[in-house]
Amino acid sequence: MKKSISFFSFLIFCSVINAQILSITELITSPRTDAMTFGESLNKRSWSQHGYEINKDSGFVRMTWMIKNNYNDLKSYFQYYKSDADSLENYTIYQFSDREAFNGFKADLKKTGYKLQKEKKKKKKKDKTKYKDKEELFLNEKTFSLLSLKEVFLLGFNTFLVSTYNSKSRVAKNILEEDK
């Protein structure tokens, strides 16, 4: 009986972790998926809507979902920026703390036709133990998809960000122009 309870607990733990980590496929398609549809998918996986903000100056509506990571007591966030003017401009940002998933995303992108555009490193403080970040841009010209994978180290904590854009959008074009 104890073994079946332990196995059942393990299955629940695994499903909770899987709910917390989004797949690279989900992230790539997220800007092209309706925000409410994507949000419903997150809600079914124990994410909760955390915020909704209309920013008339930028022309975007920002919707935020959050989930607490039981294995390290940190939180993951998913933000969907929906353009008022053109769905081509929609983009998403996913913040999480799982290095293994982050490294897996990079490997998966390379396998699926994404090419590394440029790697940028920033160090804001002389003391590397306080703050540093590293960003890599991946572009797939066939699917018009741009992804920014960013690792940020701040005061002893690592966080990872994956931002996804349609490469034909103004935001993505500006990001690619900055790197030239």
N, C-alpha and C. Protein backbone atom coordinates (compact mmCIF):
# COMPACT_ATOMS: atom_id res chain seq x y z
N MET A 1 0.81 -1.19 0.00
CA MET A 1 0.00 0.00 0.00
C MET A 1 0.86 1.26 0.00
N LYS A 2 1.96 1.26 0.78
CA LYS A 2 2.82 2.43 0.84
C LYS A 2 3.44 2.73 -0.52
N LYS A 3 3.83 1.68 -1.25
CA LYS A 3 4.45 1.89 -2.55
C LYS A 3 3.47 2.55 -3.52
N SER A 4 2.21 2.14 -3.50
CA SER A 4 1.23 2.73 -4.42
C SER A 4 0.95 4.18 -4.05
N ILE A 5 0.94 4.51 -2.75
CA ILE A 5 0.74 5.90 -2.34
C ILE A 5 1.93 6.73 -2.76
N SER A 6 3.13 6.23 -2.58
CA SER A 6 4.34 6.96 -2.97
C SER A 6 4.37 7.17 -4.49
N PHE A 7 4.03 6.14 -5.23
CA PHE A 7 4.01 6.26 -6.68
C PHE A 7 2.97 7.28 -7.13
N PHE A 8 1.79 7.26 -6.49
CA PHE A 8 0.73 8.21 -6.80
C PHE A 8 1.18 9.63 -6.48
N SER A 9 1.85 9.83 -5.36
CA SER A 9 2.39 11.15 -4.98
C SER A 9 3.41 11.62 -6.01
N PHE A 10 4.25 10.69 -6.47
CA PHE A 10 5.25 11.02 -7.48
C PHE A 10 4.57 11.47 -8.77
N LEU A 11 3.51 10.79 -9.20
CA LEU A 11 2.79 11.17 -10.41
C LEU A 11 2.17 12.56 -10.28
N ILE A 12 1.61 12.87 -9.13
CA ILE A 12 1.04 14.20 -8.91
C ILE A 12 2.15 15.24 -8.96
N PHE A 13 3.28 14.97 -8.31
CA PHE A 13 4.42 15.90 -8.31
C PHE A 13 4.90 16.15 -9.74
N CYS A 14 5.02 15.10 -10.54
CA CYS A 14 5.47 15.25 -11.93
C CYS A 14 4.48 16.07 -12.75
N SER A 15 3.20 15.84 -12.55
CA SER A 15 2.21 16.60 -13.32
C SER A 15 2.20 18.06 -12.92
N VAL A 16 2.46 18.37 -11.65
CA VAL A 16 2.53 19.76 -11.21
C VAL A 16 3.75 20.43 -11.82
N ILE A 17 4.89 19.76 -11.83
CA ILE A 17 6.09 20.34 -12.45
C ILE A 17 5.85 20.56 -13.94
N ASN A 18 5.25 19.59 -14.62
CA ASN A 18 4.97 19.76 -16.05
C ASN A 18 4.03 20.93 -16.29
N ALA A 19 3.12 21.20 -15.39
CA ALA A 19 2.20 22.33 -15.53
C ALA A 19 2.95 23.65 -15.39
N GLN A 20 4.02 23.62 -14.62
CA GLN A 20 4.77 24.86 -14.36
C GLN A 20 5.71 25.22 -15.50
N ILE A 21 6.22 24.25 -16.21
CA ILE A 21 7.16 24.51 -17.30
C ILE A 21 6.42 24.41 -18.62
N LEU A 22 6.43 25.49 -19.37
CA LEU A 22 5.80 25.51 -20.68
C LEU A 22 6.77 24.94 -21.70
N SER A 23 6.25 24.35 -22.75
CA SER A 23 7.12 23.77 -23.78
C SER A 23 7.57 24.85 -24.76
N ILE A 24 8.64 24.59 -25.45
CA ILE A 24 9.12 25.55 -26.44
C ILE A 24 8.11 25.71 -27.57
N THR A 25 7.39 24.66 -27.91
CA THR A 25 6.36 24.74 -28.95
C THR A 25 5.24 25.67 -28.50
N GLU A 26 4.82 25.55 -27.25
CA GLU A 26 3.79 26.45 -26.72
C GLU A 26 4.26 27.90 -26.79
N LEU A 27 5.50 28.12 -26.43
CA LEU A 27 6.03 29.49 -26.42
C LEU A 27 6.13 30.06 -27.83
N ILE A 28 6.57 29.25 -28.78
CA ILE A 28 6.71 29.71 -30.17
C ILE A 28 5.34 30.11 -30.73
N THR A 29 4.32 29.32 -30.44
CA THR A 29 3.00 29.58 -31.02
C THR A 29 2.17 30.57 -30.21
N SER A 30 2.60 30.90 -29.02
CA SER A 30 1.78 31.74 -28.13
C SER A 30 1.39 33.10 -28.72
N PRO A 31 2.28 33.85 -29.39
CA PRO A 31 1.83 35.14 -29.93
C PRO A 31 0.80 35.01 -31.04
N ARG A 32 0.75 33.85 -31.67
CA ARG A 32 -0.19 33.62 -32.77
C ARG A 32 -1.51 33.01 -32.28
N THR A 33 -1.54 32.63 -31.00
CA THR A 33 -2.74 32.06 -30.40
C THR A 33 -3.50 33.19 -29.71
N ASP A 34 -4.81 33.15 -29.79
CA ASP A 34 -5.62 34.15 -29.10
C ASP A 34 -5.28 34.15 -27.61
N ALA A 35 -5.14 35.34 -27.04
CA ALA A 35 -4.73 35.47 -25.64
C ALA A 35 -5.67 34.74 -24.69
N MET A 36 -6.96 34.85 -24.90
CA MET A 36 -7.92 34.20 -24.00
C MET A 36 -7.84 32.68 -24.12
N THR A 37 -7.65 32.18 -25.32
CA THR A 37 -7.51 30.73 -25.53
C THR A 37 -6.26 30.23 -24.82
N PHE A 38 -5.16 30.97 -24.97
CA PHE A 38 -3.92 30.57 -24.31
C PHE A 38 -4.08 30.64 -22.80
N GLY A 39 -4.75 31.68 -22.32
CA GLY A 39 -4.99 31.82 -20.89
C GLY A 39 -5.83 30.69 -20.31
N GLU A 40 -6.84 30.26 -21.05
CA GLU A 40 -7.67 29.12 -20.61
C GLU A 40 -6.82 27.86 -20.48
N SER A 41 -5.89 27.68 -21.41
CA SER A 41 -4.98 26.54 -21.35
C SER A 41 -4.12 26.60 -20.09
N LEU A 42 -3.62 27.79 -19.76
CA LEU A 42 -2.82 27.94 -18.55
C LEU A 42 -3.66 27.69 -17.30
N ASN A 43 -4.87 28.22 -17.28
CA ASN A 43 -5.74 28.04 -16.12
C ASN A 43 -6.03 26.56 -15.86
N LYS A 44 -6.18 25.77 -16.90
CA LYS A 44 -6.43 24.34 -16.75
C LYS A 44 -5.24 23.62 -16.14
N ARG A 45 -4.06 24.26 -16.22
CA ARG A 45 -2.83 23.65 -15.70
C ARG A 45 -2.38 24.31 -14.40
N SER A 46 -3.32 24.86 -13.65
CA SER A 46 -3.09 25.44 -12.32
C SER A 46 -2.42 26.82 -12.33
N TRP A 47 -2.30 27.45 -13.47
CA TRP A 47 -1.84 28.84 -13.50
C TRP A 47 -3.04 29.71 -13.12
N SER A 48 -2.80 30.88 -12.56
CA SER A 48 -3.90 31.79 -12.25
C SER A 48 -3.64 33.14 -12.89
N GLN A 49 -4.72 33.77 -13.33
CA GLN A 49 -4.55 35.10 -13.93
C GLN A 49 -4.13 36.04 -12.80
N HIS A 50 -3.08 36.77 -13.05
CA HIS A 50 -2.46 37.60 -12.02
C HIS A 50 -2.65 39.08 -12.29
N GLY A 51 -2.90 39.44 -13.52
CA GLY A 51 -3.06 40.85 -13.83
C GLY A 51 -3.59 41.09 -15.23
N TYR A 52 -4.16 42.28 -15.39
CA TYR A 52 -4.70 42.70 -16.68
C TYR A 52 -4.51 44.22 -16.73
N GLU A 53 -3.77 44.70 -17.70
CA GLU A 53 -3.48 46.13 -17.77
C GLU A 53 -3.64 46.63 -19.20
N ILE A 54 -4.41 47.70 -19.34
CA ILE A 54 -4.58 48.35 -20.64
C ILE A 54 -3.64 49.56 -20.67
N ASN A 55 -2.73 49.57 -21.62
CA ASN A 55 -1.80 50.68 -21.75
C ASN A 55 -2.08 51.38 -23.07
N LYS A 56 -2.84 52.45 -23.01
CA LYS A 56 -3.25 53.16 -24.22
C LYS A 56 -2.07 53.82 -24.92
N ASP A 57 -1.03 54.20 -24.17
CA ASP A 57 0.14 54.85 -24.77
C ASP A 57 0.90 53.90 -25.70
N SER A 58 1.03 52.66 -25.28
CA SER A 58 1.79 51.70 -26.09
C SER A 58 0.91 50.97 -27.10
N GLY A 59 -0.41 50.94 -26.86
CA GLY A 59 -1.31 50.22 -27.74
C GLY A 59 -1.37 48.73 -27.45
N PHE A 60 -0.91 48.34 -26.26
CA PHE A 60 -0.93 46.93 -25.87
C PHE A 60 -1.77 46.72 -24.63
N VAL A 61 -2.40 45.56 -24.56
CA VAL A 61 -3.05 45.08 -23.35
C VAL A 61 -2.15 43.97 -22.81
N ARG A 62 -1.75 44.09 -21.54
CA ARG A 62 -0.87 43.07 -20.95
C ARG A 62 -1.69 42.19 -20.00
N MET A 63 -1.67 40.90 -20.28
CA MET A 63 -2.33 39.92 -19.42
C MET A 63 -1.25 39.04 -18.81
N THR A 64 -1.35 38.82 -17.51
CA THR A 64 -0.31 38.08 -16.80
C THR A 64 -0.93 36.90 -16.07
N TRP A 65 -0.26 35.75 -16.17
CA TRP A 65 -0.61 34.55 -15.41
C TRP A 65 0.59 34.18 -14.56
N MET A 66 0.32 33.52 -13.43
CA MET A 66 1.38 33.17 -12.50
C MET A 66 1.12 31.78 -11.93
N ILE A 67 2.22 31.09 -11.60
CA ILE A 67 2.12 29.81 -10.90
C ILE A 67 3.28 29.73 -9.92
N LYS A 68 3.01 29.18 -8.75
CA LYS A 68 4.06 28.99 -7.75
C LYS A 68 4.74 27.66 -8.03
N ASN A 69 6.05 27.66 -8.05
CA ASN A 69 6.83 26.45 -8.28
C ASN A 69 7.04 25.75 -6.95
N ASN A 70 6.40 24.62 -6.77
CA ASN A 70 6.48 23.91 -5.50
C ASN A 70 7.87 23.37 -5.21
N TYR A 71 8.66 23.08 -6.24
CA TYR A 71 9.96 22.47 -6.00
C TYR A 71 11.01 23.47 -5.54
N ASN A 72 10.83 24.76 -5.79
CA ASN A 72 11.82 25.73 -5.31
C ASN A 72 11.18 26.99 -4.71
N ASP A 73 9.88 26.98 -4.51
CA ASP A 73 9.13 28.05 -3.87
C ASP A 73 9.22 29.39 -4.60
N LEU A 74 9.65 29.39 -5.85
CA LEU A 74 9.65 30.60 -6.66
C LEU A 74 8.41 30.62 -7.53
N LYS A 75 8.19 31.70 -8.22
CA LYS A 75 7.02 31.82 -9.09
C LYS A 75 7.46 31.94 -10.54
N SER A 76 6.61 31.45 -11.43
CA SER A 76 6.81 31.64 -12.87
C SER A 76 5.70 32.55 -13.36
N TYR A 77 6.02 33.37 -14.34
CA TYR A 77 5.05 34.30 -14.90
C TYR A 77 5.00 34.14 -16.41
N PHE A 78 3.81 34.32 -16.96
CA PHE A 78 3.63 34.36 -18.40
C PHE A 78 2.86 35.64 -18.71
N GLN A 79 3.45 36.49 -19.55
CA GLN A 79 2.80 37.74 -19.93
C GLN A 79 2.51 37.73 -21.42
N TYR A 80 1.28 38.07 -21.74
CA TYR A 80 0.84 38.14 -23.13
C TYR A 80 0.56 39.61 -23.44
N TYR A 81 1.28 40.16 -24.41
CA TYR A 81 1.07 41.54 -24.85
C TYR A 81 0.26 41.51 -26.14
N LYS A 82 -0.98 41.91 -26.03
CA LYS A 82 -1.91 41.89 -27.17
C LYS A 82 -2.00 43.30 -27.74
N SER A 83 -1.71 43.41 -29.04
CA SER A 83 -1.76 44.70 -29.71
C SER A 83 -3.19 45.10 -30.02
N ASP A 84 -3.49 46.38 -29.79
CA ASP A 84 -4.80 46.91 -30.15
C ASP A 84 -4.95 47.04 -31.67
N ALA A 85 -3.83 47.25 -32.36
CA ALA A 85 -3.87 47.57 -33.78
C ALA A 85 -3.76 46.36 -34.70
N ASP A 86 -2.83 45.46 -34.42
CA ASP A 86 -2.53 44.38 -35.36
C ASP A 86 -2.02 43.16 -34.60
N SER A 87 -2.64 42.01 -34.79
CA SER A 87 -2.22 40.80 -34.08
C SER A 87 -0.79 40.37 -34.44
N LEU A 88 -0.26 40.85 -35.55
CA LEU A 88 1.13 40.58 -35.92
C LEU A 88 2.09 41.11 -34.86
N GLU A 89 1.66 42.14 -34.14
CA GLU A 89 2.50 42.78 -33.13
C GLU A 89 2.47 42.08 -31.77
N ASN A 90 1.56 41.12 -31.57
CA ASN A 90 1.48 40.42 -30.29
C ASN A 90 2.81 39.77 -29.95
N TYR A 91 3.15 39.78 -28.66
CA TYR A 91 4.33 39.06 -28.22
C TYR A 91 4.13 38.57 -26.79
N THR A 92 4.97 37.64 -26.36
CA THR A 92 4.84 37.05 -25.03
C THR A 92 6.18 37.02 -24.33
N ILE A 93 6.13 37.00 -23.00
CA ILE A 93 7.32 36.86 -22.17
C ILE A 93 7.02 35.82 -21.10
N TYR A 94 7.90 34.86 -20.99
CA TYR A 94 7.77 33.77 -20.02
C TYR A 94 8.97 33.83 -19.08
N GLN A 95 8.71 33.97 -17.78
CA GLN A 95 9.78 34.04 -16.78
C GLN A 95 9.67 32.81 -15.88
N PHE A 96 10.81 32.12 -15.70
CA PHE A 96 10.81 30.89 -14.90
C PHE A 96 12.20 30.70 -14.30
N SER A 97 12.39 29.62 -13.53
CA SER A 97 13.66 29.44 -12.82
C SER A 97 14.30 28.07 -13.01
N ASP A 98 13.93 27.36 -14.05
CA ASP A 98 14.44 26.00 -14.27
C ASP A 98 15.54 26.01 -15.34
N ARG A 99 16.80 25.91 -14.89
CA ARG A 99 17.94 25.96 -15.82
C ARG A 99 17.91 24.81 -16.83
N GLU A 100 17.51 23.65 -16.39
CA GLU A 100 17.46 22.49 -17.28
C GLU A 100 16.50 22.73 -18.44
N ALA A 101 15.33 23.29 -18.15
CA ALA A 101 14.37 23.62 -19.20
C ALA A 101 14.94 24.68 -20.13
N PHE A 102 15.59 25.68 -19.56
CA PHE A 102 16.19 26.76 -20.35
C PHE A 102 17.22 26.21 -21.34
N ASN A 103 18.11 25.36 -20.87
CA ASN A 103 19.12 24.76 -21.75
C ASN A 103 18.47 23.85 -22.79
N GLY A 104 17.41 23.16 -22.40
CA GLY A 104 16.67 22.33 -23.35
C GLY A 104 16.03 23.15 -24.46
N PHE A 105 15.53 24.35 -24.11
CA PHE A 105 14.94 25.23 -25.11
C PHE A 105 15.96 25.58 -26.19
N LYS A 106 17.17 25.90 -25.77
CA LYS A 106 18.22 26.26 -26.74
C LYS A 106 18.51 25.10 -27.69
N ALA A 107 18.63 23.92 -27.14
CA ALA A 107 18.90 22.74 -27.96
C ALA A 107 17.74 22.47 -28.91
N ASP A 108 16.50 22.59 -28.44
CA ASP A 108 15.33 22.35 -29.28
C ASP A 108 15.23 23.37 -30.41
N LEU A 109 15.55 24.62 -30.12
CA LEU A 109 15.49 25.64 -31.16
C LEU A 109 16.47 25.35 -32.29
N LYS A 110 17.66 24.95 -31.93
CA LYS A 110 18.68 24.64 -32.94
C LYS A 110 18.25 23.45 -33.81
N LYS A 111 17.58 22.46 -33.20
CA LYS A 111 17.13 21.29 -33.93
C LYS A 111 15.98 21.61 -34.89
N THR A 112 15.21 22.66 -34.60
CA THR A 112 14.01 22.95 -35.39
C THR A 112 14.19 24.11 -36.35
N GLY A 113 15.41 24.41 -36.73
CA GLY A 113 15.64 25.39 -37.78
C GLY A 113 15.87 26.82 -37.33
N TYR A 114 15.98 27.05 -36.04
CA TYR A 114 16.28 28.39 -35.55
C TYR A 114 17.79 28.61 -35.60
N LYS A 115 18.17 29.81 -35.96
CA LYS A 115 19.59 30.15 -36.03
C LYS A 115 19.89 31.24 -35.01
N LEU A 116 21.00 31.05 -34.31
CA LEU A 116 21.45 32.04 -33.35
C LEU A 116 21.86 33.30 -34.11
N GLN A 117 21.23 34.41 -33.80
CA GLN A 117 21.52 35.68 -34.45
C GLN A 117 22.68 36.40 -33.78
N LYS A 118 22.57 36.53 -32.48
CA LYS A 118 23.60 37.24 -31.76
C LYS A 118 23.47 36.94 -30.28
N GLU A 119 24.59 36.95 -29.63
CA GLU A 119 24.63 36.76 -28.19
C GLU A 119 25.10 38.07 -27.57
N LYS A 120 24.34 38.56 -26.59
CA LYS A 120 24.71 39.80 -25.92
C LYS A 120 24.91 39.51 -24.44
N LYS A 121 25.96 40.09 -23.88
CA LYS A 121 26.20 39.97 -22.45
C LYS A 121 26.28 41.36 -21.85
N LYS A 122 25.67 41.52 -20.69
CA LYS A 122 25.73 42.79 -19.97
C LYS A 122 26.21 42.51 -18.56
N LYS A 123 27.06 43.37 -18.11
CA LYS A 123 27.47 43.34 -16.70
C LYS A 123 27.28 44.76 -16.19
N LYS A 124 26.37 44.92 -15.27
CA LYS A 124 26.05 46.25 -14.77
C LYS A 124 26.91 46.65 -13.59
N LYS A 125 27.44 45.71 -12.88
CA LYS A 125 28.24 46.01 -11.69
C LYS A 125 29.62 45.40 -11.86
N LYS A 126 30.57 46.00 -11.20
CA LYS A 126 31.92 45.43 -11.22
C LYS A 126 31.95 44.07 -10.55
N ASP A 127 31.14 43.90 -9.53
CA ASP A 127 31.06 42.65 -8.81
C ASP A 127 30.10 41.71 -9.54
N LYS A 128 30.62 40.68 -10.19
CA LYS A 128 29.82 39.74 -10.97
C LYS A 128 28.83 38.95 -10.13
N THR A 129 29.03 38.94 -8.82
CA THR A 129 28.12 38.19 -7.96
C THR A 129 26.82 38.94 -7.70
N LYS A 130 26.74 40.21 -8.11
CA LYS A 130 25.54 41.00 -7.87
C LYS A 130 24.58 41.02 -9.05
N TYR A 131 25.10 41.24 -10.26
CA TYR A 131 24.20 41.36 -11.41
C TYR A 131 24.93 41.05 -12.70
N LYS A 132 24.31 40.25 -13.55
CA LYS A 132 24.78 40.06 -14.92
C LYS A 132 23.65 39.47 -15.72
N ASP A 133 23.65 39.68 -17.02
CA ASP A 133 22.67 39.01 -17.86
C ASP A 133 23.28 38.67 -19.20
N LYS A 134 22.67 37.66 -19.81
CA LYS A 134 23.13 37.15 -21.10
C LYS A 134 21.89 36.89 -21.93
N GLU A 135 21.89 37.37 -23.17
CA GLU A 135 20.74 37.20 -24.04
C GLU A 135 21.18 36.60 -25.37
N GLU A 136 20.39 35.66 -25.86
CA GLU A 136 20.64 35.06 -27.17
C GLU A 136 19.36 35.21 -28.00
N LEU A 137 19.52 35.64 -29.24
CA LEU A 137 18.39 35.79 -30.16
C LEU A 137 18.41 34.66 -31.17
N PHE A 138 17.27 34.00 -31.34
CA PHE A 138 17.12 32.91 -32.29
C PHE A 138 16.05 33.29 -33.31
N LEU A 139 16.36 33.12 -34.58
CA LEU A 139 15.44 33.49 -35.66
C LEU A 139 15.18 32.29 -36.56
N ASN A 140 13.91 32.11 -36.91
CA ASN A 140 13.53 31.12 -37.91
C ASN A 140 12.85 31.90 -39.03
N GLU A 141 13.54 32.04 -40.16
CA GLU A 141 13.02 32.85 -41.26
C GLU A 141 11.85 32.18 -41.98
N LYS A 142 11.75 30.86 -41.90
CA LYS A 142 10.64 30.15 -42.55
C LYS A 142 9.32 30.37 -41.83
N THR A 143 9.37 30.42 -40.50
CA THR A 143 8.14 30.57 -39.72
C THR A 143 7.93 32.00 -39.22
N PHE A 144 8.84 32.89 -39.58
CA PHE A 144 8.77 34.30 -39.15
C PHE A 144 8.69 34.41 -37.63
N SER A 145 9.57 33.70 -36.97
CA SER A 145 9.55 33.65 -35.52
C SER A 145 10.89 34.08 -34.95
N LEU A 146 10.85 34.97 -33.97
CA LEU A 146 12.04 35.43 -33.27
C LEU A 146 11.86 35.13 -31.79
N LEU A 147 12.88 34.53 -31.18
CA LEU A 147 12.86 34.26 -29.75
C LEU A 147 14.09 34.85 -29.10
N SER A 148 13.87 35.47 -27.97
CA SER A 148 14.95 35.98 -27.14
C SER A 148 15.00 35.09 -25.91
N LEU A 149 16.16 34.47 -25.67
CA LEU A 149 16.38 33.68 -24.47
C LEU A 149 17.35 34.44 -23.60
N LYS A 150 16.93 34.76 -22.41
CA LYS A 150 17.72 35.62 -21.54
C LYS A 150 17.90 34.98 -20.18
N GLU A 151 19.13 34.99 -19.70
CA GLU A 151 19.46 34.53 -18.35
C GLU A 151 19.88 35.75 -17.54
N VAL A 152 19.23 35.94 -16.41
CA VAL A 152 19.54 37.08 -15.56
C VAL A 152 19.94 36.56 -14.19
N PHE A 153 21.06 37.06 -13.71
CA PHE A 153 21.54 36.73 -12.37
C PHE A 153 21.52 38.01 -11.56
N LEU A 154 20.72 38.02 -10.49
CA LEU A 154 20.59 39.22 -9.67
C LEU A 154 20.64 38.83 -8.20
N LEU A 155 21.65 39.31 -7.53
CA LEU A 155 21.80 39.10 -6.08
C LEU A 155 21.62 37.64 -5.66
N GLY A 156 22.28 36.75 -6.37
CA GLY A 156 22.28 35.35 -6.00
C GLY A 156 21.18 34.49 -6.58
N PHE A 157 20.27 35.06 -7.36
CA PHE A 157 19.18 34.29 -7.95
C PHE A 157 19.26 34.33 -9.47
N ASN A 158 19.04 33.17 -10.10
CA ASN A 158 18.95 33.10 -11.55
C ASN A 158 17.50 33.07 -11.95
N THR A 159 17.17 33.81 -13.00
CA THR A 159 15.86 33.73 -13.60
C THR A 159 16.06 33.67 -15.11
N PHE A 160 15.13 33.06 -15.78
CA PHE A 160 15.23 32.89 -17.23
C PHE A 160 14.00 33.49 -17.88
N LEU A 161 14.21 34.12 -19.02
CA LEU A 161 13.12 34.75 -19.76
C LEU A 161 13.15 34.26 -21.19
N VAL A 162 11.99 33.91 -21.72
CA VAL A 162 11.85 33.59 -23.13
C VAL A 162 10.80 34.54 -23.68
N SER A 163 11.21 35.38 -24.61
CA SER A 163 10.28 36.31 -25.26
C SER A 163 10.09 35.86 -26.70
N THR A 164 8.84 35.84 -27.17
CA THR A 164 8.54 35.35 -28.51
C THR A 164 7.82 36.42 -29.31
N TYR A 165 8.24 36.56 -30.57
CA TYR A 165 7.73 37.60 -31.45
C TYR A 165 7.51 37.05 -32.85
N ASN A 166 6.65 37.69 -33.60
CA ASN A 166 6.60 37.47 -35.04
C ASN A 166 7.74 38.33 -35.60
N SER A 167 8.64 37.74 -36.36
CA SER A 167 9.83 38.47 -36.82
C SER A 167 9.49 39.61 -37.78
N LYS A 168 8.27 39.65 -38.30
CA LYS A 168 7.85 40.73 -39.19
C LYS A 168 7.24 41.91 -38.41
N SER A 169 7.09 41.75 -37.09
CA SER A 169 6.50 42.81 -36.27
C SER A 169 7.50 43.95 -36.08
N ARG A 170 6.97 45.12 -35.74
CA ARG A 170 7.84 46.28 -35.50
C ARG A 170 8.74 46.04 -34.30
N VAL A 171 8.21 45.43 -33.25
CA VAL A 171 9.00 45.17 -32.05
C VAL A 171 10.19 44.27 -32.39
N ALA A 172 9.95 43.18 -33.12
CA ALA A 172 11.03 42.26 -33.49
C ALA A 172 12.04 42.94 -34.40
N LYS A 173 11.58 43.73 -35.34
CA LYS A 173 12.50 44.45 -36.23
C LYS A 173 13.39 45.40 -35.44
N ASN A 174 12.83 46.05 -34.44
CA ASN A 174 13.63 46.95 -33.59
C ASN A 174 14.68 46.17 -32.79
N ILE A 175 14.30 45.01 -32.29
CA ILE A 175 15.24 44.17 -31.55
C ILE A 175 16.38 43.73 -32.45
N LEU A 176 16.05 43.30 -33.66
CA LEU A 176 17.09 42.85 -34.59
C LEU A 176 17.97 44.03 -35.04
N GLU A 177 17.40 45.20 -35.18
CA GLU A 177 18.18 46.39 -35.56
C GLU A 177 19.17 46.78 -34.48
N GLU A 178 18.76 46.64 -33.21
CA GLU A 178 19.64 46.98 -32.09
C GLU A 178 20.91 46.15 -32.11
N ASP A 179 20.83 44.97 -32.66
CA ASP A 179 21.97 44.05 -32.63
C ASP A 179 22.96 44.26 -33.76
N LYS A 180 22.66 45.15 -34.65
CA LYS A 180 23.59 45.37 -35.78
C LYS A 180 24.70 46.31 -35.41
